[in-house]
Amino acid sequence: MKRLLITGAGLAALLAAGAAAARPTPFDRLDQNGDGVVTEDELGERGRRMFADADANGDGQLTREEMRAFAQARRAARNPDKNGDGVITREEFGEASAERFDRLDKNGDGVLTEDERPRRRGMRRGRRGGEGGGDEGGDGGA
């Protein structure tokens, strides 16, 4: 008869692996029917807006690989340290800001309209002072 001896560290590793396997990934949460692909019907309004960009092969479905590539590209686009030297120069910062503006300016008219500006969770537009995190006191620090 063979015995299996699991040390405390081994047990912790097994439990962690089981918890990681049971924890749904962002892809798993989007794949509502569990068929291994995400379709546009499985996404909410925000997801539908990014679907076309992420669907690299244009087949109307997102695979894990397409989602991973899309997320990596978005992270890279948001990183202003273009030369990877660990510091952000004024030039790199300006370039990153201009690139972001161009991405947001959907019709290319050089103006960001209300429908082109990104929506932030928990922020209220047009409110100053009081609740909502606006300019506390409303005097601009004067």
N, C-alpha and C. Protein backbone atom coordinates (compact mmCIF):
# COMPACT_ATOMS: atom_id res chain seq x y z
N MET A 1 0.84 -1.17 0.00
CA MET A 1 0.00 0.00 0.00
C MET A 1 0.89 1.24 0.00
N LYS A 2 0.63 2.13 -0.92
CA LYS A 2 1.41 3.36 -1.01
C LYS A 2 0.73 4.44 -0.18
N ARG A 3 1.59 5.27 0.43
CA ARG A 3 1.08 6.39 1.21
C ARG A 3 1.47 7.68 0.52
N LEU A 4 0.59 8.64 0.60
CA LEU A 4 0.85 9.95 0.04
C LEU A 4 1.04 10.91 1.20
N LEU A 5 2.20 11.51 1.26
CA LEU A 5 2.51 12.45 2.33
C LEU A 5 2.54 13.85 1.73
N ILE A 6 1.68 14.70 2.23
CA ILE A 6 1.63 16.08 1.74
C ILE A 6 2.05 16.98 2.89
N THR A 7 3.10 17.77 2.64
CA THR A 7 3.57 18.71 3.65
C THR A 7 2.66 19.92 3.67
N GLY A 8 2.87 20.78 4.65
CA GLY A 8 2.08 22.00 4.74
C GLY A 8 2.24 22.85 3.49
N ALA A 9 3.47 22.98 2.99
CA ALA A 9 3.71 23.77 1.78
C ALA A 9 3.06 23.11 0.57
N GLY A 10 3.10 21.79 0.52
CA GLY A 10 2.48 21.07 -0.59
C GLY A 10 0.97 21.25 -0.58
N LEU A 11 0.38 21.19 0.60
CA LEU A 11 -1.06 21.37 0.72
C LEU A 11 -1.45 22.79 0.31
N ALA A 12 -0.66 23.76 0.73
CA ALA A 12 -0.94 25.14 0.35
C ALA A 12 -0.86 25.31 -1.17
N ALA A 13 0.12 24.67 -1.80
CA ALA A 13 0.25 24.76 -3.25
C ALA A 13 -0.94 24.11 -3.95
N LEU A 14 -1.38 22.95 -3.44
CA LEU A 14 -2.55 22.29 -4.03
C LEU A 14 -3.80 23.13 -3.88
N LEU A 15 -3.99 23.73 -2.71
CA LEU A 15 -5.17 24.57 -2.49
C LEU A 15 -5.12 25.81 -3.38
N ALA A 16 -3.95 26.41 -3.52
CA ALA A 16 -3.82 27.59 -4.37
C ALA A 16 -4.10 27.25 -5.82
N ALA A 17 -3.60 26.10 -6.28
CA ALA A 17 -3.85 25.68 -7.66
C ALA A 17 -5.34 25.43 -7.88
N GLY A 18 -5.99 24.82 -6.92
CA GLY A 18 -7.43 24.58 -7.03
C GLY A 18 -8.22 25.88 -7.04
N ALA A 19 -7.82 26.83 -6.20
CA ALA A 19 -8.51 28.12 -6.15
C ALA A 19 -8.31 28.87 -7.45
N ALA A 20 -7.09 28.80 -8.00
CA ALA A 20 -6.83 29.50 -9.27
C ALA A 20 -7.63 28.88 -10.40
N ALA A 21 -7.76 27.56 -10.39
CA ALA A 21 -8.52 26.88 -11.44
C ALA A 21 -10.00 27.20 -11.32
N ALA A 22 -10.49 27.40 -10.09
CA ALA A 22 -11.91 27.66 -9.89
C ALA A 22 -12.27 29.13 -10.13
N ARG A 23 -11.29 30.03 -10.03
CA ARG A 23 -11.55 31.45 -10.20
C ARG A 23 -11.72 31.77 -11.68
N PRO A 24 -12.84 32.34 -12.05
CA PRO A 24 -13.06 32.65 -13.47
C PRO A 24 -12.17 33.81 -13.92
N THR A 25 -11.68 33.68 -15.12
CA THR A 25 -10.89 34.74 -15.73
C THR A 25 -11.83 35.76 -16.34
N PRO A 26 -11.31 36.93 -16.73
CA PRO A 26 -12.20 37.89 -17.43
C PRO A 26 -12.84 37.26 -18.68
N PHE A 27 -12.07 36.44 -19.39
CA PHE A 27 -12.63 35.78 -20.56
C PHE A 27 -13.79 34.87 -20.16
N ASP A 28 -13.60 34.09 -19.09
CA ASP A 28 -14.66 33.19 -18.63
C ASP A 28 -15.94 33.94 -18.25
N ARG A 29 -15.78 35.12 -17.65
CA ARG A 29 -16.96 35.90 -17.28
C ARG A 29 -17.70 36.41 -18.51
N LEU A 30 -16.95 36.74 -19.57
CA LEU A 30 -17.59 37.21 -20.80
C LEU A 30 -18.24 36.07 -21.58
N ASP A 31 -17.62 34.89 -21.54
CA ASP A 31 -18.12 33.72 -22.28
C ASP A 31 -19.29 33.12 -21.51
N GLN A 32 -20.44 33.74 -21.62
CA GLN A 32 -21.59 33.39 -20.79
C GLN A 32 -22.11 31.98 -21.02
N ASN A 33 -22.00 31.46 -22.25
CA ASN A 33 -22.51 30.11 -22.49
C ASN A 33 -21.42 29.05 -22.39
N GLY A 34 -20.19 29.45 -22.09
CA GLY A 34 -19.11 28.50 -21.84
C GLY A 34 -18.64 27.72 -23.06
N ASP A 35 -18.83 28.25 -24.27
CA ASP A 35 -18.43 27.51 -25.46
C ASP A 35 -17.00 27.80 -25.92
N GLY A 36 -16.26 28.61 -25.15
CA GLY A 36 -14.86 28.87 -25.48
C GLY A 36 -14.64 30.05 -26.40
N VAL A 37 -15.70 30.71 -26.83
CA VAL A 37 -15.59 31.94 -27.63
C VAL A 37 -16.58 32.95 -27.09
N VAL A 38 -16.28 34.22 -27.30
CA VAL A 38 -17.18 35.29 -26.89
C VAL A 38 -17.77 35.90 -28.15
N THR A 39 -19.08 35.98 -28.20
CA THR A 39 -19.74 36.61 -29.34
C THR A 39 -20.24 37.99 -28.91
N GLU A 40 -20.58 38.80 -29.88
CA GLU A 40 -21.06 40.16 -29.59
C GLU A 40 -22.33 40.13 -28.75
N ASP A 41 -23.16 39.10 -28.92
CA ASP A 41 -24.39 38.99 -28.14
C ASP A 41 -24.13 38.78 -26.65
N GLU A 42 -22.96 38.28 -26.30
CA GLU A 42 -22.64 38.03 -24.90
C GLU A 42 -22.09 39.27 -24.19
N LEU A 43 -21.91 40.35 -24.91
CA LEU A 43 -21.33 41.56 -24.34
C LEU A 43 -22.37 42.62 -24.06
N GLY A 44 -22.08 43.47 -23.10
CA GLY A 44 -22.92 44.63 -22.83
C GLY A 44 -22.56 45.74 -23.80
N GLU A 45 -23.13 46.92 -23.58
CA GLU A 45 -22.91 48.06 -24.48
C GLU A 45 -21.43 48.43 -24.57
N ARG A 46 -20.76 48.49 -23.44
CA ARG A 46 -19.33 48.84 -23.45
C ARG A 46 -18.52 47.80 -24.22
N GLY A 47 -18.84 46.56 -24.02
CA GLY A 47 -18.13 45.48 -24.71
C GLY A 47 -18.34 45.49 -26.21
N ARG A 48 -19.52 45.86 -26.62
CA ARG A 48 -19.81 45.92 -28.07
C ARG A 48 -18.95 46.97 -28.76
N ARG A 49 -18.65 48.05 -28.02
CA ARG A 49 -17.84 49.11 -28.62
C ARG A 49 -16.41 48.64 -28.89
N MET A 50 -15.88 47.74 -28.08
CA MET A 50 -14.51 47.29 -28.28
C MET A 50 -14.43 45.99 -29.10
N PHE A 51 -15.56 45.36 -29.34
CA PHE A 51 -15.57 44.05 -29.99
C PHE A 51 -14.88 44.06 -31.35
N ALA A 52 -15.21 45.03 -32.20
CA ALA A 52 -14.64 45.08 -33.55
C ALA A 52 -13.13 45.21 -33.52
N ASP A 53 -12.60 46.00 -32.58
CA ASP A 53 -11.15 46.15 -32.47
C ASP A 53 -10.47 44.87 -32.01
N ALA A 54 -11.11 44.15 -31.12
CA ALA A 54 -10.50 42.94 -30.57
C ALA A 54 -10.64 41.74 -31.51
N ASP A 55 -11.66 41.71 -32.33
CA ASP A 55 -11.91 40.58 -33.24
C ASP A 55 -10.94 40.66 -34.42
N ALA A 56 -9.71 40.20 -34.20
CA ALA A 56 -8.62 40.38 -35.17
C ALA A 56 -8.91 39.73 -36.52
N ASN A 57 -9.55 38.57 -36.53
CA ASN A 57 -9.80 37.89 -37.81
C ASN A 57 -11.19 38.20 -38.38
N GLY A 58 -11.98 39.01 -37.69
CA GLY A 58 -13.27 39.45 -38.21
C GLY A 58 -14.32 38.37 -38.35
N ASP A 59 -14.20 37.29 -37.56
CA ASP A 59 -15.17 36.20 -37.69
C ASP A 59 -16.39 36.34 -36.78
N GLY A 60 -16.47 37.45 -36.05
CA GLY A 60 -17.62 37.65 -35.17
C GLY A 60 -17.52 36.94 -33.84
N GLN A 61 -16.35 36.38 -33.54
CA GLN A 61 -16.11 35.69 -32.27
C GLN A 61 -14.75 36.11 -31.72
N LEU A 62 -14.65 36.18 -30.39
CA LEU A 62 -13.37 36.47 -29.76
C LEU A 62 -12.86 35.22 -29.06
N THR A 63 -11.65 34.85 -29.40
CA THR A 63 -11.00 33.73 -28.72
C THR A 63 -10.17 34.28 -27.56
N ARG A 64 -9.70 33.39 -26.69
CA ARG A 64 -8.82 33.81 -25.60
C ARG A 64 -7.59 34.52 -26.16
N GLU A 65 -7.05 34.00 -27.25
CA GLU A 65 -5.85 34.60 -27.84
C GLU A 65 -6.12 36.01 -28.34
N GLU A 66 -7.27 36.23 -28.99
CA GLU A 66 -7.61 37.57 -29.47
C GLU A 66 -7.79 38.53 -28.29
N MET A 67 -8.45 38.07 -27.23
CA MET A 67 -8.65 38.90 -26.05
C MET A 67 -7.31 39.26 -25.42
N ARG A 68 -6.42 38.28 -25.30
CA ARG A 68 -5.11 38.50 -24.70
C ARG A 68 -4.30 39.51 -25.53
N ALA A 69 -4.30 39.34 -26.86
CA ALA A 69 -3.57 40.26 -27.74
C ALA A 69 -4.15 41.67 -27.66
N PHE A 70 -5.47 41.77 -27.61
CA PHE A 70 -6.12 43.07 -27.51
C PHE A 70 -5.74 43.77 -26.21
N ALA A 71 -5.77 43.03 -25.10
CA ALA A 71 -5.42 43.61 -23.80
C ALA A 71 -3.96 44.06 -23.78
N GLN A 72 -3.06 43.25 -24.35
CA GLN A 72 -1.64 43.63 -24.39
C GLN A 72 -1.43 44.88 -25.24
N ALA A 73 -2.12 44.98 -26.36
CA ALA A 73 -1.99 46.16 -27.23
C ALA A 73 -2.51 47.41 -26.52
N ARG A 74 -3.59 47.28 -25.78
CA ARG A 74 -4.13 48.44 -25.05
C ARG A 74 -3.18 48.89 -23.96
N ARG A 75 -2.58 47.91 -23.24
CA ARG A 75 -1.60 48.27 -22.20
C ARG A 75 -0.40 48.98 -22.82
N ALA A 76 0.10 48.46 -23.94
CA ALA A 76 1.24 49.07 -24.61
C ALA A 76 0.91 50.48 -25.09
N ALA A 77 -0.30 50.68 -25.59
CA ALA A 77 -0.70 51.99 -26.09
C ALA A 77 -0.80 53.01 -24.96
N ARG A 78 -1.13 52.55 -23.75
CA ARG A 78 -1.26 53.46 -22.61
C ARG A 78 0.08 53.77 -21.95
N ASN A 79 1.14 53.04 -22.31
CA ASN A 79 2.45 53.22 -21.68
C ASN A 79 3.21 54.33 -22.40
N PRO A 80 3.38 55.49 -21.76
CA PRO A 80 4.06 56.59 -22.43
C PRO A 80 5.57 56.40 -22.56
N ASP A 81 6.17 55.45 -21.85
CA ASP A 81 7.62 55.21 -21.93
C ASP A 81 7.92 54.42 -23.20
N LYS A 82 7.89 55.09 -24.33
CA LYS A 82 7.99 54.42 -25.64
C LYS A 82 9.32 53.73 -25.86
N ASN A 83 10.43 54.28 -25.33
CA ASN A 83 11.72 53.64 -25.56
C ASN A 83 12.08 52.64 -24.47
N GLY A 84 11.24 52.48 -23.47
CA GLY A 84 11.43 51.46 -22.45
C GLY A 84 12.62 51.67 -21.53
N ASP A 85 13.06 52.93 -21.36
CA ASP A 85 14.22 53.17 -20.51
C ASP A 85 13.87 53.38 -19.04
N GLY A 86 12.58 53.28 -18.71
CA GLY A 86 12.16 53.39 -17.32
C GLY A 86 11.85 54.80 -16.87
N VAL A 87 12.01 55.78 -17.75
CA VAL A 87 11.65 57.16 -17.43
C VAL A 87 10.78 57.71 -18.54
N ILE A 88 9.95 58.68 -18.20
CA ILE A 88 9.06 59.29 -19.18
C ILE A 88 9.51 60.73 -19.37
N THR A 89 9.95 61.04 -20.56
CA THR A 89 10.37 62.40 -20.87
C THR A 89 9.15 63.25 -21.22
N ARG A 90 9.34 64.58 -21.25
CA ARG A 90 8.26 65.48 -21.64
C ARG A 90 7.79 65.15 -23.06
N GLU A 91 8.73 64.83 -23.93
CA GLU A 91 8.39 64.48 -25.32
C GLU A 91 7.53 63.22 -25.38
N GLU A 92 7.94 62.17 -24.62
CA GLU A 92 7.16 60.92 -24.60
C GLU A 92 5.77 61.17 -24.04
N PHE A 93 5.70 61.97 -22.98
CA PHE A 93 4.40 62.27 -22.37
C PHE A 93 3.50 62.99 -23.36
N GLY A 94 4.05 63.98 -24.07
CA GLY A 94 3.28 64.72 -25.06
C GLY A 94 2.81 63.84 -26.20
N GLU A 95 3.70 62.94 -26.66
CA GLU A 95 3.33 62.02 -27.74
C GLU A 95 2.20 61.10 -27.30
N ALA A 96 2.31 60.58 -26.07
CA ALA A 96 1.28 59.67 -25.56
C ALA A 96 -0.06 60.40 -25.44
N SER A 97 -0.01 61.65 -24.98
CA SER A 97 -1.25 62.42 -24.86
C SER A 97 -1.88 62.66 -26.22
N ALA A 98 -1.05 63.01 -27.21
CA ALA A 98 -1.57 63.25 -28.56
C ALA A 98 -2.16 61.97 -29.16
N GLU A 99 -1.50 60.83 -28.93
CA GLU A 99 -2.01 59.55 -29.44
C GLU A 99 -3.36 59.22 -28.79
N ARG A 100 -3.47 59.45 -27.49
CA ARG A 100 -4.73 59.17 -26.80
C ARG A 100 -5.84 60.07 -27.33
N PHE A 101 -5.52 61.36 -27.50
CA PHE A 101 -6.51 62.28 -28.05
C PHE A 101 -6.98 61.80 -29.42
N ASP A 102 -6.04 61.41 -30.27
CA ASP A 102 -6.39 60.94 -31.62
C ASP A 102 -7.27 59.70 -31.58
N ARG A 103 -7.01 58.79 -30.62
CA ARG A 103 -7.84 57.58 -30.49
C ARG A 103 -9.26 57.95 -30.07
N LEU A 104 -9.38 58.93 -29.18
CA LEU A 104 -10.70 59.33 -28.69
C LEU A 104 -11.48 60.12 -29.73
N ASP A 105 -10.79 60.90 -30.55
CA ASP A 105 -11.42 61.76 -31.56
C ASP A 105 -11.86 60.89 -32.74
N LYS A 106 -12.98 60.21 -32.57
CA LYS A 106 -13.45 59.22 -33.54
C LYS A 106 -13.66 59.77 -34.95
N ASN A 107 -14.13 61.01 -35.07
CA ASN A 107 -14.39 61.56 -36.39
C ASN A 107 -13.24 62.42 -36.91
N GLY A 108 -12.15 62.54 -36.14
CA GLY A 108 -10.95 63.23 -36.59
C GLY A 108 -11.09 64.72 -36.80
N ASP A 109 -12.04 65.36 -36.10
CA ASP A 109 -12.24 66.79 -36.31
C ASP A 109 -11.41 67.66 -35.37
N GLY A 110 -10.58 67.06 -34.53
CA GLY A 110 -9.73 67.83 -33.64
C GLY A 110 -10.43 68.34 -32.40
N VAL A 111 -11.64 67.85 -32.15
CA VAL A 111 -12.44 68.26 -30.99
C VAL A 111 -13.01 67.00 -30.36
N LEU A 112 -12.96 66.93 -29.02
CA LEU A 112 -13.59 65.82 -28.32
C LEU A 112 -14.96 66.26 -27.84
N THR A 113 -15.98 65.65 -28.42
CA THR A 113 -17.35 65.94 -28.02
C THR A 113 -17.73 65.05 -26.85
N GLU A 114 -18.85 65.33 -26.23
CA GLU A 114 -19.30 64.56 -25.06
C GLU A 114 -19.36 63.07 -25.36
N ASP A 115 -19.84 62.68 -26.53
CA ASP A 115 -19.96 61.26 -26.84
C ASP A 115 -18.60 60.61 -27.13
N GLU A 116 -17.56 61.39 -27.39
CA GLU A 116 -16.23 60.84 -27.64
C GLU A 116 -15.39 60.75 -26.37
N ARG A 117 -15.74 61.54 -25.36
CA ARG A 117 -14.95 61.53 -24.13
C ARG A 117 -15.23 60.27 -23.34
N PRO A 118 -14.17 59.70 -22.73
CA PRO A 118 -14.37 58.45 -21.97
C PRO A 118 -15.19 58.69 -20.72
N ARG A 119 -16.00 57.73 -20.40
CA ARG A 119 -16.80 57.78 -19.19
C ARG A 119 -16.03 57.07 -18.08
N ARG A 120 -15.98 57.67 -16.93
CA ARG A 120 -15.30 57.08 -15.78
C ARG A 120 -16.34 56.66 -14.76
N ARG A 121 -16.16 55.46 -14.24
CA ARG A 121 -17.06 54.99 -13.20
C ARG A 121 -16.88 55.82 -11.95
N GLY A 122 -17.99 56.19 -11.32
CA GLY A 122 -17.93 56.90 -10.06
C GLY A 122 -17.70 58.40 -10.18
N MET A 123 -17.53 58.90 -11.38
CA MET A 123 -17.33 60.33 -11.56
C MET A 123 -18.59 60.95 -12.16
N ARG A 124 -18.92 62.11 -11.72
CA ARG A 124 -20.09 62.81 -12.24
C ARG A 124 -19.61 64.04 -12.97
N ARG A 125 -20.03 64.18 -14.20
CA ARG A 125 -19.63 65.35 -14.98
C ARG A 125 -20.52 66.53 -14.65
N GLY A 126 -19.91 67.70 -14.75
CA GLY A 126 -20.68 68.91 -14.60
C GLY A 126 -20.98 69.32 -13.17
N ARG A 127 -20.54 68.55 -12.18
CA ARG A 127 -20.79 68.89 -10.78
C ARG A 127 -19.49 69.35 -10.15
N ARG A 128 -19.55 70.39 -9.41
CA ARG A 128 -18.38 70.87 -8.69
C ARG A 128 -18.76 70.98 -7.22
N GLY A 129 -17.78 70.67 -6.39
CA GLY A 129 -17.98 70.79 -4.96
C GLY A 129 -18.88 69.70 -4.42
N GLY A 130 -18.93 69.58 -3.12
CA GLY A 130 -19.80 68.60 -2.45
C GLY A 130 -19.49 67.19 -2.86
N GLU A 131 -20.52 66.35 -2.88
CA GLU A 131 -20.33 64.95 -3.25
C GLU A 131 -20.04 64.83 -4.72
N GLY A 132 -19.41 63.74 -5.11
CA GLY A 132 -19.13 63.50 -6.50
C GLY A 132 -17.67 63.71 -6.86
N GLY A 133 -16.86 64.17 -5.90
CA GLY A 133 -15.43 64.24 -6.11
C GLY A 133 -14.97 65.38 -6.99
N GLY A 134 -15.77 66.41 -7.18
CA GLY A 134 -15.36 67.52 -8.02
C GLY A 134 -14.37 68.41 -7.30
N ASP A 135 -14.31 69.64 -7.68
CA ASP A 135 -13.41 70.62 -7.12
C ASP A 135 -13.94 71.03 -5.75
N GLU A 136 -13.35 70.50 -4.70
CA GLU A 136 -13.82 70.77 -3.35
C GLU A 136 -13.80 72.26 -3.07
N GLY A 137 -14.91 72.82 -2.70
CA GLY A 137 -14.99 74.23 -2.35
C GLY A 137 -15.28 75.11 -3.56
N GLY A 138 -14.93 74.66 -4.77
CA GLY A 138 -15.28 75.37 -5.97
C GLY A 138 -14.52 76.66 -6.21
N ASP A 139 -13.47 76.98 -5.41
CA ASP A 139 -12.79 78.24 -5.61
C ASP A 139 -11.47 78.08 -6.36
N GLY A 140 -11.17 76.86 -6.81
CA GLY A 140 -9.97 76.63 -7.58
C GLY A 140 -8.70 76.80 -6.79
N GLY A 141 -8.79 76.79 -5.47
CA GLY A 141 -7.60 76.87 -4.63
C GLY A 141 -7.18 78.28 -4.33
N ALA A 142 -7.99 79.27 -4.66
CA ALA A 142 -7.62 80.67 -4.41
C ALA A 142 -7.90 81.07 -3.00
